[in-house]
Amino acid sequence: MPAKSKAQQRAAGAALSAKRGETPVSELQGASKEMYETMSEDELEDFASTSHDGLPEKVEGDD
């Protein structure tokens, strides 16, 4: 499932980076922290790899 907004895509990228041990989990906050805790690495990669082209900055309901 692709990300629905640029904000969601960036949050997934941050969570994916932490899942892979590239950044400390303590640096995550908000949506990225929730995504880290509830999504698999494959799911995060799917969201994070979504192209920004045509995506709104934020969608109602995104955190």
PDB file of N, CA and C in Angstrom:
ATOM      1  N   MET A   1       0.849  -1.180   0.000  1.00  0.00           N
ATOM      2  CA  MET A   1       0.000   0.000   0.000  1.00  0.00           C
ATOM      3  C   MET A   1       0.893   1.241   0.000  1.00  0.00           C
ATOM      4  N   PRO A   2       0.732   2.092  -0.968  1.00  0.00           N
ATOM      5  CA  PRO A   2       1.562   3.305  -1.010  1.00  0.00           C
ATOM      6  C   PRO A   2       1.091   4.355  -0.005  1.00  0.00           C
ATOM      7  N   ALA A   3       1.987   5.251   0.333  1.00  0.00           N
ATOM      8  CA  ALA A   3       1.654   6.354   1.238  1.00  0.00           C
ATOM      9  C   ALA A   3       0.632   7.262   0.569  1.00  0.00           C
ATOM     10  N   LYS A   4      -0.215   7.900   1.383  1.00  0.00           N
ATOM     11  CA  LYS A   4      -1.260   8.781   0.872  1.00  0.00           C
ATOM     12  C   LYS A   4      -0.842  10.246   0.882  1.00  0.00           C
ATOM     13  N   SER A   5       0.276  10.558   1.550  1.00  0.00           N
ATOM     14  CA  SER A   5       0.742  11.948   1.611  1.00  0.00           C
ATOM     15  C   SER A   5       2.254  11.977   1.773  1.00  0.00           C
ATOM     16  N   LYS A   6       2.817  13.148   1.510  1.00  0.00           N
ATOM     17  CA  LYS A   6       4.261  13.315   1.687  1.00  0.00           C
ATOM     18  C   LYS A   6       4.648  13.137   3.145  1.00  0.00           C
ATOM     19  N   ALA A   7       3.822  13.626   4.052  1.00  0.00           N
ATOM     20  CA  ALA A   7       4.112  13.506   5.483  1.00  0.00           C
ATOM     21  C   ALA A   7       4.146  12.033   5.903  1.00  0.00           C
ATOM     22  N   GLN A   8       3.215  11.245   5.398  1.00  0.00           N
ATOM     23  CA  GLN A   8       3.171   9.819   5.715  1.00  0.00           C
ATOM     24  C   GLN A   8       4.395   9.109   5.138  1.00  0.00           C
ATOM     25  N   GLN A   9       4.803   9.487   3.941  1.00  0.00           N
ATOM     26  CA  GLN A   9       5.968   8.873   3.305  1.00  0.00           C
ATOM     27  C   GLN A   9       7.234   9.172   4.097  1.00  0.00           C
ATOM     28  N   ARG A  10       7.382  10.420   4.554  1.00  0.00           N
ATOM     29  CA  ARG A  10       8.566  10.793   5.342  1.00  0.00           C
ATOM     30  C   ARG A  10       8.582  10.083   6.695  1.00  0.00           C
ATOM     31  N   ALA A  11       7.420   9.968   7.332  1.00  0.00           N
ATOM     32  CA  ALA A  11       7.333   9.274   8.626  1.00  0.00           C
ATOM     33  C   ALA A  11       7.731   7.807   8.458  1.00  0.00           C
ATOM     34  N   ALA A  12       7.284   7.195   7.381  1.00  0.00           N
ATOM     35  CA  ALA A  12       7.643   5.796   7.115  1.00  0.00           C
ATOM     36  C   ALA A  12       9.144   5.661   6.880  1.00  0.00           C
ATOM     37  N   GLY A  13       9.729   6.622   6.190  1.00  0.00           N
ATOM     38  CA  GLY A  13      11.176   6.596   5.956  1.00  0.00           C
ATOM     39  C   GLY A  13      11.963   6.685   7.250  1.00  0.00           C
ATOM     40  N   ALA A  14      11.512   7.531   8.163  1.00  0.00           N
ATOM     41  CA  ALA A  14      12.183   7.662   9.462  1.00  0.00           C
ATOM     42  C   ALA A  14      12.048   6.373  10.263  1.00  0.00           C
ATOM     43  N   ALA A  15      10.849   5.783  10.265  1.00  0.00           N
ATOM     44  CA  ALA A  15      10.620   4.537  10.993  1.00  0.00           C
ATOM     45  C   ALA A  15      11.439   3.398  10.389  1.00  0.00           C
ATOM     46  N   LEU A  16      11.529   3.355   9.075  1.00  0.00           N
ATOM     47  CA  LEU A  16      12.309   2.320   8.396  1.00  0.00           C
ATOM     48  C   LEU A  16      13.787   2.440   8.756  1.00  0.00           C
ATOM     49  N   SER A  17      14.285   3.656   8.789  1.00  0.00           N
ATOM     50  CA  SER A  17      15.677   3.888   9.155  1.00  0.00           C
ATOM     51  C   SER A  17      15.962   3.366  10.573  1.00  0.00           C
ATOM     52  N   ALA A  18      15.038   3.584  11.473  1.00  0.00           N
ATOM     53  CA  ALA A  18      15.207   3.093  12.842  1.00  0.00           C
ATOM     54  C   ALA A  18      15.100   1.574  12.893  1.00  0.00           C
ATOM     55  N   LYS A  19      14.173   0.999  12.136  1.00  0.00           N
ATOM     56  CA  LYS A  19      14.025  -0.466  12.085  1.00  0.00           C
ATOM     57  C   LYS A  19      15.325  -1.120  11.635  1.00  0.00           C
ATOM     58  N   ARG A  20      16.017  -0.457  10.709  1.00  0.00           N
ATOM     59  CA  ARG A  20      17.261  -1.008  10.169  1.00  0.00           C
ATOM     60  C   ARG A  20      18.469  -0.689  11.040  1.00  0.00           C
ATOM     61  N   GLY A  21      18.256   0.068  12.116  1.00  0.00           N
ATOM     62  CA  GLY A  21      19.343   0.397  13.025  1.00  0.00           C
ATOM     63  C   GLY A  21      20.208   1.544  12.548  1.00  0.00           C
ATOM     64  N   GLU A  22      19.746   2.288  11.545  1.00  0.00           N
ATOM     65  CA  GLU A  22      20.521   3.395  10.991  1.00  0.00           C
ATOM     66  C   GLU A  22      20.386   4.671  11.814  1.00  0.00           C
ATOM     67  N   THR A  23      19.274   4.814  12.513  1.00  0.00           N
ATOM     68  CA  THR A  23      19.062   5.956  13.411  1.00  0.00           C
ATOM     69  C   THR A  23      18.490   5.433  14.720  1.00  0.00           C
ATOM     70  N   PRO A  24      18.738   6.137  15.821  1.00  0.00           N
ATOM     71  CA  PRO A  24      18.227   5.686  17.119  1.00  0.00           C
ATOM     72  C   PRO A  24      16.699   5.787  17.204  1.00  0.00           C
ATOM     73  N   VAL A  25      16.080   4.797  17.798  1.00  0.00           N
ATOM     74  CA  VAL A  25      14.636   4.790  17.992  1.00  0.00           C
ATOM     75  C   VAL A  25      14.217   5.988  18.840  1.00  0.00           C
ATOM     76  N   SER A  26      15.082   6.424  19.728  1.00  0.00           N
ATOM     77  CA  SER A  26      14.771   7.552  20.613  1.00  0.00           C
ATOM     78  C   SER A  26      14.535   8.853  19.844  1.00  0.00           C
ATOM     79  N   GLU A  27      14.976   8.923  18.594  1.00  0.00           N
ATOM     80  CA  GLU A  27      14.775  10.128  17.778  1.00  0.00           C
ATOM     81  C   GLU A  27      13.397  10.160  17.122  1.00  0.00           C
ATOM     82  N   LEU A  28      12.684   9.042  17.146  1.00  0.00           N
ATOM     83  CA  LEU A  28      11.365   8.993  16.526  1.00  0.00           C
ATOM     84  C   LEU A  28      10.332   9.672  17.410  1.00  0.00           C
ATOM     85  N   GLN A  29       9.352  10.294  16.756  1.00  0.00           N
ATOM     86  CA  GLN A  29       8.243  10.883  17.493  1.00  0.00           C
ATOM     87  C   GLN A  29       6.995  10.864  16.629  1.00  0.00           C
ATOM     88  N   GLY A  30       5.853  10.947  17.250  1.00  0.00           N
ATOM     89  CA  GLY A  30       4.592  11.003  16.527  1.00  0.00           C
ATOM     90  C   GLY A  30       4.333   9.790  15.661  1.00  0.00           C
ATOM     91  N   ALA A  31       3.939  10.052  14.416  1.00  0.00           N
ATOM     92  CA  ALA A  31       3.547   8.987  13.495  1.00  0.00           C
ATOM     93  C   ALA A  31       4.687   8.014  13.207  1.00  0.00           C
ATOM     94  N   SER A  32       5.914   8.527  13.102  1.00  0.00           N
ATOM     95  CA  SER A  32       7.031   7.631  12.789  1.00  0.00           C
ATOM     96  C   SER A  32       7.275   6.640  13.923  1.00  0.00           C
ATOM     97  N   LYS A  33       7.094   7.068  15.161  1.00  0.00           N
ATOM     98  CA  LYS A  33       7.267   6.169  16.304  1.00  0.00           C
ATOM     99  C   LYS A  33       6.171   5.103  16.306  1.00  0.00           C
ATOM    100  N   GLU A  34       4.949   5.512  16.021  1.00  0.00           N
ATOM    101  CA  GLU A  34       3.837   4.559  15.964  1.00  0.00           C
ATOM    102  C   GLU A  34       4.041   3.562  14.829  1.00  0.00           C
ATOM    103  N   MET A  35       4.492   4.053  13.674  1.00  0.00           N
ATOM    104  CA  MET A  35       4.751   3.169  12.537  1.00  0.00           C
ATOM    105  C   MET A  35       5.859   2.168  12.878  1.00  0.00           C
ATOM    106  N   TYR A  36       6.900   2.625  13.545  1.00  0.00           N
ATOM    107  CA  TYR A  36       8.008   1.760  13.940  1.00  0.00           C
ATOM    108  C   TYR A  36       7.501   0.601  14.789  1.00  0.00           C
ATOM    109  N   GLU A  37       6.586   0.914  15.704  1.00  0.00           N
ATOM    110  CA  GLU A  37       6.093  -0.081  16.656  1.00  0.00           C
ATOM    111  C   GLU A  37       5.066  -1.040  16.052  1.00  0.00           C
ATOM    112  N   THR A  38       4.358  -0.616  15.023  1.00  0.00           N
ATOM    113  CA  THR A  38       3.234  -1.423  14.538  1.00  0.00           C
ATOM    114  C   THR A  38       3.408  -2.027  13.148  1.00  0.00           C
ATOM    115  N   MET A  39       4.429  -1.613  12.407  1.00  0.00           N
ATOM    116  CA  MET A  39       4.579  -2.082  11.032  1.00  0.00           C
ATOM    117  C   MET A  39       5.866  -2.886  10.846  1.00  0.00           C
ATOM    118  N   SER A  40       5.824  -3.808   9.894  1.00  0.00           N
ATOM    119  CA  SER A  40       7.016  -4.596   9.578  1.00  0.00           C
ATOM    120  C   SER A  40       7.944  -3.779   8.687  1.00  0.00           C
ATOM    121  N   GLU A  41       9.172  -4.258   8.543  1.00  0.00           N
ATOM    122  CA  GLU A  41      10.133  -3.568   7.684  1.00  0.00           C
ATOM    123  C   GLU A  41       9.634  -3.536   6.239  1.00  0.00           C
ATOM    124  N   ASP A  42       9.018  -4.616   5.778  1.00  0.00           N
ATOM    125  CA  ASP A  42       8.487  -4.661   4.415  1.00  0.00           C
ATOM    126  C   ASP A  42       7.374  -3.640   4.210  1.00  0.00           C
ATOM    127  N   GLU A  43       6.479  -3.521   5.192  1.00  0.00           N
ATOM    128  CA  GLU A  43       5.393  -2.545   5.092  1.00  0.00           C
ATOM    129  C   GLU A  43       5.949  -1.126   5.063  1.00  0.00           C
ATOM    130  N   LEU A  44       6.921  -0.860   5.931  1.00  0.00           N
ATOM    131  CA  LEU A  44       7.526   0.467   5.973  1.00  0.00           C
ATOM    132  C   LEU A  44       8.231   0.793   4.659  1.00  0.00           C
ATOM    133  N   GLU A  45       8.905  -0.197   4.106  1.00  0.00           N
ATOM    134  CA  GLU A  45       9.606   0.013   2.834  1.00  0.00           C
ATOM    135  C   GLU A  45       8.610   0.361   1.726  1.00  0.00           C
ATOM    136  N   ASP A  46       7.456  -0.281   1.745  1.00  0.00           N
ATOM    137  CA  ASP A  46       6.401  -0.004   0.772  1.00  0.00           C
ATOM    138  C   ASP A  46       5.945   1.456   0.862  1.00  0.00           C
ATOM    139  N   PHE A  47       5.693   1.929   2.067  1.00  0.00           N
ATOM    140  CA  PHE A  47       5.270   3.314   2.272  1.00  0.00           C
ATOM    141  C   PHE A  47       6.394   4.290   1.930  1.00  0.00           C
ATOM    142  N   ALA A  48       7.588   3.997   2.399  1.00  0.00           N
ATOM    143  CA  ALA A  48       8.713   4.914   2.224  1.00  0.00           C
ATOM    144  C   ALA A  48       9.134   5.041   0.763  1.00  0.00           C
ATOM    145  N   SER A  49       8.900   4.016  -0.035  1.00  0.00           N
ATOM    146  CA  SER A  49       9.338   4.051  -1.427  1.00  0.00           C
ATOM    147  C   SER A  49       8.338   4.752  -2.346  1.00  0.00           C
ATOM    148  N   THR A  50       7.218   5.204  -1.804  1.00  0.00           N
ATOM    149  CA  THR A  50       6.214   5.918  -2.602  1.00  0.00           C
ATOM    150  C   THR A  50       6.806   7.215  -3.147  1.00  0.00           C
ATOM    151  N   SER A  51       6.585   7.470  -4.416  1.00  0.00           N
ATOM    152  CA  SER A  51       7.058   8.709  -5.029  1.00  0.00           C
ATOM    153  C   SER A  51       6.277   9.900  -4.482  1.00  0.00           C
ATOM    154  N   HIS A  52       6.953  11.029  -4.311  1.00  0.00           N
ATOM    155  CA  HIS A  52       6.303  12.253  -3.844  1.00  0.00           C
ATOM    156  C   HIS A  52       5.438  12.891  -4.920  1.00  0.00           C
ATOM    157  N   ASP A  53       5.675  12.545  -6.174  1.00  0.00           N
ATOM    158  CA  ASP A  53       4.958  13.167  -7.293  1.00  0.00           C
ATOM    159  C   ASP A  53       3.452  12.999  -7.140  1.00  0.00           C
ATOM    160  N   GLY A  54       2.745  14.111  -7.106  1.00  0.00           N
ATOM    161  CA  GLY A  54       1.297  14.094  -7.045  1.00  0.00           C
ATOM    162  C   GLY A  54       0.698  13.882  -5.670  1.00  0.00           C
ATOM    163  N   LEU A  55       1.525  13.686  -4.664  1.00  0.00           N
ATOM    164  CA  LEU A  55       1.001  13.488  -3.311  1.00  0.00           C
ATOM    165  C   LEU A  55       0.769  14.838  -2.628  1.00  0.00           C
ATOM    166  N   PRO A  56      -0.324  14.949  -1.875  1.00  0.00           N
ATOM    167  CA  PRO A  56      -0.512  16.171  -1.091  1.00  0.00           C
ATOM    168  C   PRO A  56       0.462  16.176   0.083  1.00  0.00           C
ATOM    169  N   GLU A  57       0.723  17.345   0.652  1.00  0.00           N
ATOM    170  CA  GLU A  57       1.626  17.436   1.800  1.00  0.00           C
ATOM    171  C   GLU A  57       1.067  16.634   2.982  1.00  0.00           C
ATOM    172  N   LYS A  58      -0.221  16.789   3.230  1.00  0.00           N
ATOM    173  CA  LYS A  58      -0.847  16.109   4.344  1.00  0.00           C
ATOM    174  C   LYS A  58      -2.291  15.802   3.980  1.00  0.00           C
ATOM    175  N   VAL A  59      -2.787  14.667   4.443  1.00  0.00           N
ATOM    176  CA  VAL A  59      -4.172  14.278   4.215  1.00  0.00           C
ATOM    177  C   VAL A  59      -4.880  14.293   5.556  1.00  0.00           C
ATOM    178  N   GLU A  60      -6.121  14.746   5.561  1.00  0.00           N
ATOM    179  CA  GLU A  60      -6.895  14.759   6.805  1.00  0.00           C
ATOM    180  C   GLU A  60      -6.871  13.374   7.432  1.00  0.00           C
ATOM    181  N   GLY A  61      -6.501  13.302   8.697  1.00  0.00           N
ATOM    182  CA  GLY A  61      -6.393  12.024   9.378  1.00  0.00           C
ATOM    183  C   GLY A  61      -4.965  11.529   9.511  1.00  0.00           C
ATOM    184  N   ASP A  62      -4.013  12.087   8.722  1.00  0.00           N
ATOM    185  CA  ASP A  62      -2.592  11.744   8.883  1.00  0.00           C
ATOM    186  C   ASP A  62      -2.087  12.357  10.175  1.00  0.00           C
ATOM    187  N   ASP A  63      -1.219  11.648  10.841  1.00  0.00           N
ATOM    188  CA  ASP A  63      -0.602  12.199  12.068  1.00  0.00           C
ATOM    189  C   ASP A  63       0.780  12.682  11.779  1.00  0.00           C
TER     190      ASP A  63
END
